[in-house]
């Protein structure tokens, strides 16, 4: 257990810069969006003329319409929550795919494992640090979205504002664990990063386009973004969707752990564009 917490502490400290960078960035976005709603309300007529000039398909892509944009939920959904899963998703994909494979490709992991750490303690210590860093980023983001609520005309409480960020946690974890899983099967971390990011972006586009083309709904349901609850979480938070995403994240984590404890560690510089089936099945030997 001591080795587990040592790994967790070291990895979480390594995440400190990213926590501040991503967290304060999202918080700054929240401050601007919440503060701007007052200006939006004071000049509602001018903004409505501009919004009504937009094609209906443009607003539908963000899951709202001209009248819905005047509500706190519609406003926050379009200008904030609609793309936050992609923002936090990029952090999760980059962090998850590098949790193990990043140090492998730099030649550091074989030196760490040579010490009496234990693969299981090392693996879950790093995963828990990633989860902690993600929670810290979202906590900073939530504070940024909430701190000006009292002086704004948005009829949203701090507790209600927390609900979309809980849903964001499910999104971040599933993309991060997908990157972690793929990094244990593909010959290079870059492949895992690209494929995970592709799943995220394609899911975002398909889920948004499904509001314009109903035939895309069945395909969009295969991607995690469909189950993100933005401003809709204010009134109808779906726990089933959240637990499904968390369950899928846990499953991918366990498969990645199983793969990690049973394969040989890659040496520095290994991993190239040559995707070979034998490599995928049994890994390279050190």
C-alpha atoms as a PDB file:
ATOM      1  CA  UNK A   1       0.000   0.000   0.000  1.00  0.00           C
ATOM      2  CA  UNK A   2       2.900   2.364   0.775  1.00  0.00           C
ATOM      3  CA  UNK A   3       4.266   1.852  -2.740  1.00  0.00           C
ATOM      4  CA  UNK A   4       0.837   2.591  -4.172  1.00  0.00           C
ATOM      5  CA  UNK A   5       0.589   5.942  -2.360  1.00  0.00           C
ATOM      6  CA  UNK A   6       4.167   6.825  -3.241  1.00  0.00           C
ATOM      7  CA  UNK A   7       3.367   6.355  -6.925  1.00  0.00           C
ATOM      8  CA  UNK A   8       0.127   8.306  -6.533  1.00  0.00           C
ATOM      9  CA  UNK A   9       1.858  11.221  -4.789  1.00  0.00           C
ATOM     10  CA  UNK A  10       4.689  11.429  -7.302  1.00  0.00           C
ATOM     11  CA  UNK A  11       2.340  11.259 -10.304  1.00  0.00           C
ATOM     12  CA  UNK A  12      -0.135  13.766  -8.874  1.00  0.00           C
ATOM     13  CA  UNK A  13       2.703  16.204  -8.287  1.00  0.00           C
ATOM     14  CA  UNK A  14       3.703  15.736 -11.908  1.00  0.00           C
ATOM     15  CA  UNK A  15       0.163  16.766 -12.895  1.00  0.00           C
ATOM     16  CA  UNK A  16       0.269  20.039 -10.942  1.00  0.00           C
ATOM     17  CA  UNK A  17       1.124  22.226 -13.917  1.00  0.00           C
ATOM     18  CA  UNK A  18      -1.588  20.647 -16.041  1.00  0.00           C
ATOM     19  CA  UNK A  19      -4.130  21.041 -13.248  1.00  0.00           C
ATOM     20  CA  UNK A  20      -3.427  24.749 -13.040  1.00  0.00           C
ATOM     21  CA  UNK A  21      -3.253  25.234 -16.805  1.00  0.00           C
ATOM     22  CA  UNK A  22      -6.395  23.343 -17.789  1.00  0.00           C
ATOM     23  CA  UNK A  23      -8.332  24.179 -14.623  1.00  0.00           C
ATOM     24  CA  UNK A  24      -7.707  27.917 -14.687  1.00  0.00           C
ATOM     25  CA  UNK A  25      -8.373  27.964 -18.418  1.00  0.00           C
ATOM     26  CA  UNK A  26     -11.823  26.439 -17.959  1.00  0.00           C
ATOM     27  CA  UNK A  27     -12.449  28.678 -14.934  1.00  0.00           C
ATOM     28  CA  UNK A  28     -11.598  31.775 -16.991  1.00  0.00           C
ATOM     29  CA  UNK A  29     -14.018  30.662 -19.683  1.00  0.00           C
ATOM     30  CA  UNK A  30     -16.729  30.271 -17.040  1.00  0.00           C
ATOM     31  CA  UNK A  31     -16.069  33.727 -15.604  1.00  0.00           C
ATOM     32  CA  UNK A  32     -16.426  35.314 -19.042  1.00  0.00           C
ATOM     33  CA  UNK A  33     -19.571  33.387 -19.959  1.00  0.00           C
ATOM     34  CA  UNK A  34     -21.393  34.068 -16.697  1.00  0.00           C
ATOM     35  CA  UNK A  35     -20.393  37.738 -16.653  1.00  0.00           C
ATOM     36  CA  UNK A  36     -21.432  38.221 -20.282  1.00  0.00           C
ATOM     37  CA  UNK A  37     -24.983  36.972 -19.613  1.00  0.00           C
ATOM     38  CA  UNK A  38     -25.794  40.311 -17.962  1.00  0.00           C
ATOM     39  CA  UNK A  39     -24.733  42.173 -21.103  1.00  0.00           C
ATOM     40  CA  UNK A  40     -26.619  39.607 -23.157  1.00  0.00           C
ATOM     41  CA  UNK A  41     -29.794  40.367 -21.206  1.00  0.00           C
ATOM     42  CA  UNK A  42     -29.404  44.151 -21.375  1.00  0.00           C
ATOM     43  CA  UNK A  43     -28.949  44.079 -25.144  1.00  0.00           C
ATOM     44  CA  UNK A  44     -31.282  41.191 -25.774  1.00  0.00           C
ATOM     45  CA  UNK A  45     -32.984  42.852 -28.724  1.00  0.00           C
ATOM     46  CA  UNK A  46     -29.749  43.419 -30.612  1.00  0.00           C
ATOM     47  CA  UNK A  47     -28.503  39.924 -29.902  1.00  0.00           C
ATOM     48  CA  UNK A  48     -31.815  38.370 -30.944  1.00  0.00           C
ATOM     49  CA  UNK A  49     -31.676  40.129 -34.300  1.00  0.00           C
ATOM     50  CA  UNK A  50     -28.202  38.728 -34.822  1.00  0.00           C
ATOM     51  CA  UNK A  51     -29.181  35.242 -33.653  1.00  0.00           C
ATOM     52  CA  UNK A  52     -32.316  35.136 -35.798  1.00  0.00           C
ATOM     53  CA  UNK A  53     -30.121  35.804 -38.819  1.00  0.00           C
ATOM     54  CA  UNK A  54     -28.300  32.530 -38.164  1.00  0.00           C
ATOM     55  CA  UNK A  55     -29.496  29.456 -40.079  1.00  0.00           C
ATOM     56  CA  UNK A  56     -31.677  27.244 -37.818  1.00  0.00           C
ATOM     57  CA  UNK A  57     -29.267  24.389 -38.512  1.00  0.00           C
ATOM     58  CA  UNK A  58     -26.459  26.328 -36.836  1.00  0.00           C
ATOM     59  CA  UNK A  59     -28.302  26.612 -33.539  1.00  0.00           C
ATOM     60  CA  UNK A  60     -29.642  23.067 -33.812  1.00  0.00           C
ATOM     61  CA  UNK A  61     -26.064  21.808 -34.064  1.00  0.00           C
ATOM     62  CA  UNK A  62     -25.565  23.120 -30.512  1.00  0.00           C
ATOM     63  CA  UNK A  63     -28.859  21.655 -29.326  1.00  0.00           C
ATOM     64  CA  UNK A  64     -30.870  24.867 -29.012  1.00  0.00           C
ATOM     65  CA  UNK A  65     -32.871  27.441 -30.963  1.00  0.00           C
ATOM     66  CA  UNK A  66     -33.317  31.223 -30.882  1.00  0.00           C
ATOM     67  CA  UNK A  67     -35.860  31.168 -28.052  1.00  0.00           C
ATOM     68  CA  UNK A  68     -33.962  28.529 -26.066  1.00  0.00           C
ATOM     69  CA  UNK A  69     -30.831  30.648 -26.167  1.00  0.00           C
ATOM     70  CA  UNK A  70     -32.567  33.232 -23.970  1.00  0.00           C
ATOM     71  CA  UNK A  71     -32.860  30.756 -21.106  1.00  0.00           C
ATOM     72  CA  UNK A  72     -29.966  30.191 -18.671  1.00  0.00           C
ATOM     73  CA  UNK A  73     -29.732  26.538 -19.699  1.00  0.00           C
ATOM     74  CA  UNK A  74     -29.738  27.269 -23.413  1.00  0.00           C
ATOM     75  CA  UNK A  75     -27.208  30.070 -23.032  1.00  0.00           C
ATOM     76  CA  UNK A  76     -24.802  28.016 -20.916  1.00  0.00           C
ATOM     77  CA  UNK A  77     -25.321  24.983 -23.120  1.00  0.00           C
ATOM     78  CA  UNK A  78     -24.339  26.744 -26.327  1.00  0.00           C
ATOM     79  CA  UNK A  79     -21.536  28.992 -25.133  1.00  0.00           C
ATOM     80  CA  UNK A  80     -19.994  26.701 -22.536  1.00  0.00           C
ATOM     81  CA  UNK A  81     -21.063  23.136 -22.008  1.00  0.00           C
ATOM     82  CA  UNK A  82     -21.464  22.103 -25.647  1.00  0.00           C
ATOM     83  CA  UNK A  83     -17.699  21.952 -26.225  1.00  0.00           C
ATOM     84  CA  UNK A  84     -16.330  21.462 -22.701  1.00  0.00           C
ATOM     85  CA  UNK A  85     -16.268  17.647 -23.168  1.00  0.00           C
ATOM     86  CA  UNK A  86     -13.871  18.155 -26.069  1.00  0.00           C
ATOM     87  CA  UNK A  87     -11.678  20.557 -24.064  1.00  0.00           C
ATOM     88  CA  UNK A  88     -11.365  18.277 -21.046  1.00  0.00           C
ATOM     89  CA  UNK A  89     -11.285  15.310 -23.403  1.00  0.00           C
ATOM     90  CA  UNK A  90      -8.020  16.443 -24.967  1.00  0.00           C
ATOM     91  CA  UNK A  91      -6.420  16.591 -21.536  1.00  0.00           C
ATOM     92  CA  UNK A  92      -7.774  13.135 -20.703  1.00  0.00           C
ATOM     93  CA  UNK A  93      -6.610  11.556 -23.961  1.00  0.00           C
ATOM     94  CA  UNK A  94      -3.103  12.990 -23.679  1.00  0.00           C
ATOM     95  CA  UNK A  95      -2.786  12.105 -20.000  1.00  0.00           C
ATOM     96  CA  UNK A  96      -4.322   8.646 -20.243  1.00  0.00           C
ATOM     97  CA  UNK A  97      -2.295   7.514 -23.221  1.00  0.00           C
ATOM     98  CA  UNK A  98       0.954   8.631 -21.546  1.00  0.00           C
ATOM     99  CA  UNK A  99       0.345   7.251 -18.035  1.00  0.00           C
ATOM    100  CA  UNK A 100       2.320   4.108 -18.823  1.00  0.00           C
ATOM    101  CA  UNK A 101       3.406   4.272 -22.465  1.00  0.00           C
ATOM    102  CA  UNK A 102       4.950   7.728 -22.122  1.00  0.00           C
ATOM    103  CA  UNK A 103       7.581   6.533 -19.671  1.00  0.00           C
ATOM    104  CA  UNK A 104       8.027   3.287 -21.606  1.00  0.00           C
ATOM    105  CA  UNK A 105       8.957   5.091 -24.794  1.00  0.00           C
ATOM    106  CA  UNK A 106      11.384   7.340 -22.896  1.00  0.00           C
ATOM    107  CA  UNK A 107      13.085   4.335 -21.355  1.00  0.00           C
ATOM    108  CA  UNK A 108      12.233   5.282 -17.781  1.00  0.00           C
ATOM    109  CA  UNK A 109       9.621   2.692 -16.903  1.00  0.00           C
ATOM    110  CA  UNK A 110      11.921  -0.325 -16.954  1.00  0.00           C
ATOM    111  CA  UNK A 111      14.147   1.472 -14.420  1.00  0.00           C
ATOM    112  CA  UNK A 112      11.180   2.187 -12.129  1.00  0.00           C
ATOM    113  CA  UNK A 113       9.828  -1.349 -12.300  1.00  0.00           C
ATOM    114  CA  UNK A 114      13.305  -2.677 -11.513  1.00  0.00           C
ATOM    115  CA  UNK A 115      12.759  -1.313  -7.993  1.00  0.00           C
ATOM    116  CA  UNK A 116      10.457  -3.163  -5.560  1.00  0.00           C
ATOM    117  CA  UNK A 117       7.370  -1.204  -6.591  1.00  0.00           C
ATOM    118  CA  UNK A 118       5.089  -3.874  -8.025  1.00  0.00           C
ATOM    119  CA  UNK A 119       3.295  -3.503 -11.315  1.00  0.00           C
ATOM    120  CA  UNK A 120      -0.207  -3.464  -9.815  1.00  0.00           C
ATOM    121  CA  UNK A 121       0.629  -0.814  -7.201  1.00  0.00           C
ATOM    122  CA  UNK A 122       2.410   1.265  -9.840  1.00  0.00           C
ATOM    123  CA  UNK A 123      -0.442   0.977 -12.348  1.00  0.00           C
ATOM    124  CA  UNK A 124      -3.300   1.865 -10.017  1.00  0.00           C
ATOM    125  CA  UNK A 125      -1.265   4.567  -8.288  1.00  0.00           C
ATOM    126  CA  UNK A 126      -0.901   6.310 -11.628  1.00  0.00           C
ATOM    127  CA  UNK A 127      -4.535   5.779 -12.599  1.00  0.00           C
ATOM    128  CA  UNK A 128      -5.758   7.208  -9.296  1.00  0.00           C
ATOM    129  CA  UNK A 129      -3.466  10.228  -9.743  1.00  0.00           C
ATOM    130  CA  UNK A 130      -4.997  10.808 -13.186  1.00  0.00           C
ATOM    131  CA  UNK A 131      -8.489  10.628 -11.685  1.00  0.00           C
ATOM    132  CA  UNK A 132      -7.443  13.044  -8.924  1.00  0.00           C
ATOM    133  CA  UNK A 133      -5.963  15.480 -11.442  1.00  0.00           C
ATOM    134  CA  UNK A 134      -9.126  15.349 -13.535  1.00  0.00           C
ATOM    135  CA  UNK A 135     -11.297  16.034 -10.493  1.00  0.00           C
ATOM    136  CA  UNK A 136      -9.036  18.956  -9.528  1.00  0.00           C
ATOM    137  CA  UNK A 137      -9.306  20.484 -13.012  1.00  0.00           C
ATOM    138  CA  UNK A 138     -13.083  20.181 -13.019  1.00  0.00           C
ATOM    139  CA  UNK A 139     -13.283  21.592  -9.499  1.00  0.00           C
ATOM    140  CA  UNK A 140     -11.400  24.704 -10.607  1.00  0.00           C
ATOM    141  CA  UNK A 141     -13.637  24.945 -13.664  1.00  0.00           C
ATOM    142  CA  UNK A 142     -16.781  24.649 -11.529  1.00  0.00           C
ATOM    143  CA  UNK A 143     -15.565  27.428  -9.233  1.00  0.00           C
ATOM    144  CA  UNK A 144     -14.980  29.656 -12.256  1.00  0.00           C
ATOM    145  CA  UNK A 145     -18.487  29.014 -13.542  1.00  0.00           C
ATOM    146  CA  UNK A 146     -20.039  29.521 -10.085  1.00  0.00           C
ATOM    147  CA  UNK A 147     -18.234  32.381  -8.349  1.00  0.00           C
ATOM    148  CA  UNK A 148     -20.188  35.128 -10.203  1.00  0.00           C
ATOM    149  CA  UNK A 149     -23.584  33.442 -10.112  1.00  0.00           C
ATOM    150  CA  UNK A 150     -24.735  35.569  -7.176  1.00  0.00           C
ATOM    151  CA  UNK A 151     -24.243  38.810  -9.112  1.00  0.00           C
ATOM    152  CA  UNK A 152     -25.638  37.521 -12.404  1.00  0.00           C
ATOM    153  CA  UNK A 153     -29.200  37.100 -13.611  1.00  0.00           C
ATOM    154  CA  UNK A 154     -28.631  33.404 -14.280  1.00  0.00           C
ATOM    155  CA  UNK A 155     -31.118  31.523 -12.134  1.00  0.00           C
ATOM    156  CA  UNK A 156     -28.654  28.713 -11.368  1.00  0.00           C
ATOM    157  CA  UNK A 157     -27.341  27.663  -7.956  1.00  0.00           C
ATOM    158  CA  UNK A 158     -23.827  26.444  -7.183  1.00  0.00           C
ATOM    159  CA  UNK A 159     -25.188  22.946  -6.647  1.00  0.00           C
ATOM    160  CA  UNK A 160     -26.973  22.922 -10.001  1.00  0.00           C
ATOM    161  CA  UNK A 161     -23.838  24.194 -11.726  1.00  0.00           C
ATOM    162  CA  UNK A 162     -21.926  21.232 -10.295  1.00  0.00           C
ATOM    163  CA  UNK A 163     -24.115  18.674 -12.100  1.00  0.00           C
ATOM    164  CA  UNK A 164     -22.738  19.266 -15.634  1.00  0.00           C
ATOM    165  CA  UNK A 165     -19.220  19.003 -14.204  1.00  0.00           C
ATOM    166  CA  UNK A 166     -20.067  15.625 -12.670  1.00  0.00           C
ATOM    167  CA  UNK A 167     -21.148  14.542 -16.139  1.00  0.00           C
ATOM    168  CA  UNK A 168     -17.900  15.995 -17.519  1.00  0.00           C
ATOM    169  CA  UNK A 169     -15.996  13.735 -15.144  1.00  0.00           C
ATOM    170  CA  UNK A 170     -17.615  10.716 -16.780  1.00  0.00           C
ATOM    171  CA  UNK A 171     -16.614  12.023 -20.200  1.00  0.00           C
ATOM    172  CA  UNK A 172     -13.015  12.701 -19.176  1.00  0.00           C
ATOM    173  CA  UNK A 173     -12.559   9.306 -17.536  1.00  0.00           C
ATOM    174  CA  UNK A 174     -13.870   7.317 -20.473  1.00  0.00           C
ATOM    175  CA  UNK A 175     -11.609   9.119 -22.955  1.00  0.00           C
ATOM    176  CA  UNK A 176      -8.638   8.889 -20.632  1.00  0.00           C
ATOM    177  CA  UNK A 177      -9.081   5.185 -19.940  1.00  0.00           C
ATOM    178  CA  UNK A 178      -9.617   4.549 -23.642  1.00  0.00           C
ATOM    179  CA  UNK A 179      -6.239   6.174 -24.318  1.00  0.00           C
ATOM    180  CA  UNK A 180      -4.702   4.095 -21.524  1.00  0.00           C
ATOM    181  CA  UNK A 181      -6.193   0.875 -22.895  1.00  0.00           C
ATOM    182  CA  UNK A 182      -5.093   1.502 -26.468  1.00  0.00           C
ATOM    183  CA  UNK A 183      -1.600   2.443 -25.304  1.00  0.00           C
ATOM    184  CA  UNK A 184      -1.221  -1.086 -23.910  1.00  0.00           C
ATOM    185  CA  UNK A 185      -2.078  -2.753 -27.227  1.00  0.00           C
ATOM    186  CA  UNK A 186      -0.750  -0.423 -29.916  1.00  0.00           C
ATOM    187  CA  UNK A 187       2.969  -0.171 -30.745  1.00  0.00           C
ATOM    188  CA  UNK A 188       3.223   3.553 -29.932  1.00  0.00           C
ATOM    189  CA  UNK A 189       1.563   6.030 -27.643  1.00  0.00           C
ATOM    190  CA  UNK A 190       0.864   8.385 -30.560  1.00  0.00           C
ATOM    191  CA  UNK A 191      -1.435   5.803 -32.132  1.00  0.00           C
ATOM    192  CA  UNK A 192      -3.426   5.528 -28.903  1.00  0.00           C
ATOM    193  CA  UNK A 193      -3.689   9.314 -28.648  1.00  0.00           C
ATOM    194  CA  UNK A 194      -4.861   9.747 -32.228  1.00  0.00           C
ATOM    195  CA  UNK A 195      -7.454   6.963 -32.100  1.00  0.00           C
ATOM    196  CA  UNK A 196      -8.854   8.129 -28.769  1.00  0.00           C
ATOM    197  CA  UNK A 197      -9.078  11.724 -29.976  1.00  0.00           C
ATOM    198  CA  UNK A 198     -10.738  10.521 -33.164  1.00  0.00           C
ATOM    199  CA  UNK A 199     -13.423   8.709 -31.177  1.00  0.00           C
ATOM    200  CA  UNK A 200     -14.013  11.884 -29.180  1.00  0.00           C
ATOM    201  CA  UNK A 201     -14.231  14.276 -32.134  1.00  0.00           C
ATOM    202  CA  UNK A 202     -16.318  11.967 -34.314  1.00  0.00           C
ATOM    203  CA  UNK A 203     -18.695  11.406 -31.410  1.00  0.00           C
ATOM    204  CA  UNK A 204     -19.032  15.155 -30.904  1.00  0.00           C
ATOM    205  CA  UNK A 205     -19.809  15.789 -34.568  1.00  0.00           C
ATOM    206  CA  UNK A 206     -22.225  12.870 -34.911  1.00  0.00           C
ATOM    207  CA  UNK A 207     -24.102  13.702 -31.717  1.00  0.00           C
ATOM    208  CA  UNK A 208     -24.451  17.317 -32.806  1.00  0.00           C
ATOM    209  CA  UNK A 209     -25.482  16.376 -36.343  1.00  0.00           C
ATOM    210  CA  UNK A 210     -28.078  13.930 -35.002  1.00  0.00           C
ATOM    211  CA  UNK A 211     -30.262  16.911 -34.101  1.00  0.00           C
ATOM    212  CA  UNK A 212     -30.340  17.746 -37.816  1.00  0.00           C
ATOM    213  CA  UNK A 213     -30.553  14.221 -39.207  1.00  0.00           C
ATOM    214  CA  UNK A 214     -32.448  11.626 -37.185  1.00  0.00           C
ATOM    215  CA  UNK A 215     -30.876   8.791 -39.155  1.00  0.00           C
ATOM    216  CA  UNK A 216     -27.589   9.542 -37.365  1.00  0.00           C
ATOM    217  CA  UNK A 217     -29.034   9.014 -33.883  1.00  0.00           C
ATOM    218  CA  UNK A 218     -28.465   5.258 -33.826  1.00  0.00           C
ATOM    219  CA  UNK A 219     -24.798   5.722 -34.790  1.00  0.00           C
ATOM    220  CA  UNK A 220     -24.300   8.620 -32.381  1.00  0.00           C
ATOM    221  CA  UNK A 221     -25.462   6.437 -29.480  1.00  0.00           C
ATOM    222  CA  UNK A 222     -22.305   4.354 -29.917  1.00  0.00           C
ATOM    223  CA  UNK A 223     -20.144   7.310 -28.842  1.00  0.00           C
ATOM    224  CA  UNK A 224     -19.690   8.684 -25.307  1.00  0.00           C
ATOM    225  CA  UNK A 225     -20.483  12.304 -26.172  1.00  0.00           C
ATOM    226  CA  UNK A 226     -24.144  11.408 -26.698  1.00  0.00           C
ATOM    227  CA  UNK A 227     -24.384  10.728 -22.975  1.00  0.00           C
ATOM    228  CA  UNK A 228     -22.949  14.035 -21.847  1.00  0.00           C
ATOM    229  CA  UNK A 229     -25.422  16.039 -19.774  1.00  0.00           C
ATOM    230  CA  UNK A 230     -24.702  19.725 -20.096  1.00  0.00           C
ATOM    231  CA  UNK A 231     -27.273  22.279 -19.028  1.00  0.00           C
ATOM    232  CA  UNK A 232     -29.932  19.560 -19.276  1.00  0.00           C
ATOM    233  CA  UNK A 233     -28.496  18.236 -16.014  1.00  0.00           C
ATOM    234  CA  UNK A 234     -29.997  21.237 -14.214  1.00  0.00           C
ATOM    235  CA  UNK A 235     -33.457  19.702 -14.461  1.00  0.00           C
ATOM    236  CA  UNK A 236     -32.996  16.064 -15.466  1.00  0.00           C
ATOM    237  CA  UNK A 237     -29.737  14.465 -14.354  1.00  0.00           C
ATOM    238  CA  UNK A 238     -29.476  10.918 -15.695  1.00  0.00           C
ATOM    239  CA  UNK A 239     -27.576   8.765 -13.209  1.00  0.00           C
ATOM    240  CA  UNK A 240     -27.879   5.715 -15.472  1.00  0.00           C
ATOM    241  CA  UNK A 241     -25.824   7.420 -18.170  1.00  0.00           C
ATOM    242  CA  UNK A 242     -23.212   8.525 -15.638  1.00  0.00           C
ATOM    243  CA  UNK A 243     -22.801   5.088 -14.094  1.00  0.00           C
ATOM    244  CA  UNK A 244     -22.659   3.483 -17.541  1.00  0.00           C
ATOM    245  CA  UNK A 245     -19.734   5.736 -18.505  1.00  0.00           C
ATOM    246  CA  UNK A 246     -17.992   5.101 -15.181  1.00  0.00           C
ATOM    247  CA  UNK A 247     -18.544   1.358 -15.555  1.00  0.00           C
ATOM    248  CA  UNK A 248     -17.091   1.373 -19.068  1.00  0.00           C
ATOM    249  CA  UNK A 249     -14.091   3.357 -17.777  1.00  0.00           C
ATOM    250  CA  UNK A 250     -13.533   0.843 -14.986  1.00  0.00           C
ATOM    251  CA  UNK A 251     -13.727  -2.066 -17.429  1.00  0.00           C
ATOM    252  CA  UNK A 252     -11.165  -0.519 -19.780  1.00  0.00           C
ATOM    253  CA  UNK A 253      -8.905   0.215 -16.819  1.00  0.00           C
ATOM    254  CA  UNK A 254      -9.020  -3.410 -15.676  1.00  0.00           C
ATOM    255  CA  UNK A 255      -8.270  -4.688 -19.184  1.00  0.00           C
ATOM    256  CA  UNK A 256      -5.350  -2.251 -19.465  1.00  0.00           C
ATOM    257  CA  UNK A 257      -4.067  -3.441 -16.071  1.00  0.00           C
ATOM    258  CA  UNK A 258      -4.357  -7.089 -17.148  1.00  0.00           C
ATOM    259  CA  UNK A 259      -2.393  -6.314 -20.281  1.00  0.00           C
ATOM    260  CA  UNK A 260       0.252  -4.318 -18.396  1.00  0.00           C
ATOM    261  CA  UNK A 261       1.049  -6.990 -15.791  1.00  0.00           C
ATOM    262  CA  UNK A 262       1.379  -9.701 -18.456  1.00  0.00           C
ATOM    263  CA  UNK A 263       3.481  -8.102 -21.142  1.00  0.00           C
ATOM    264  CA  UNK A 264       7.115  -7.081 -21.400  1.00  0.00           C
ATOM    265  CA  UNK A 265       8.000  -3.431 -20.994  1.00  0.00           C
ATOM    266  CA  UNK A 266       9.071  -1.590 -24.104  1.00  0.00           C
ATOM    267  CA  UNK A 267      12.512  -0.040 -24.196  1.00  0.00           C
ATOM    268  CA  UNK A 268      13.350   3.534 -25.077  1.00  0.00           C
ATOM    269  CA  UNK A 269      12.676   4.379 -28.697  1.00  0.00           C
ATOM    270  CA  UNK A 270      10.450   1.408 -29.364  1.00  0.00           C
ATOM    271  CA  UNK A 271       7.139   1.982 -31.073  1.00  0.00           C
ATOM    272  CA  UNK A 272       6.979   2.959 -34.704  1.00  0.00           C
ATOM    273  CA  UNK A 273       4.587   3.195 -37.618  1.00  0.00           C
ATOM    274  CA  UNK A 274       5.064  -0.501 -38.375  1.00  0.00           C
ATOM    275  CA  UNK A 275       1.931  -2.053 -36.901  1.00  0.00           C
ATOM    276  CA  UNK A 276       2.642  -5.760 -36.599  1.00  0.00           C
ATOM    277  CA  UNK A 277       0.090  -8.324 -35.447  1.00  0.00           C
ATOM    278  CA  UNK A 278       2.587 -10.419 -33.415  1.00  0.00           C
ATOM    279  CA  UNK A 279       3.493  -7.263 -31.495  1.00  0.00           C
ATOM    280  CA  UNK A 280      -0.134  -6.633 -30.655  1.00  0.00           C
ATOM    281  CA  UNK A 281      -0.659 -10.166 -29.441  1.00  0.00           C
ATOM    282  CA  UNK A 282       2.332 -10.675 -27.189  1.00  0.00           C
ATOM    283  CA  UNK A 283       4.428  -7.461 -27.029  1.00  0.00           C
ATOM    284  CA  UNK A 284       8.136  -7.038 -27.561  1.00  0.00           C
ATOM    285  CA  UNK A 285      10.623  -8.521 -25.184  1.00  0.00           C
ATOM    286  CA  UNK A 286      13.157  -6.482 -23.297  1.00  0.00           C
END
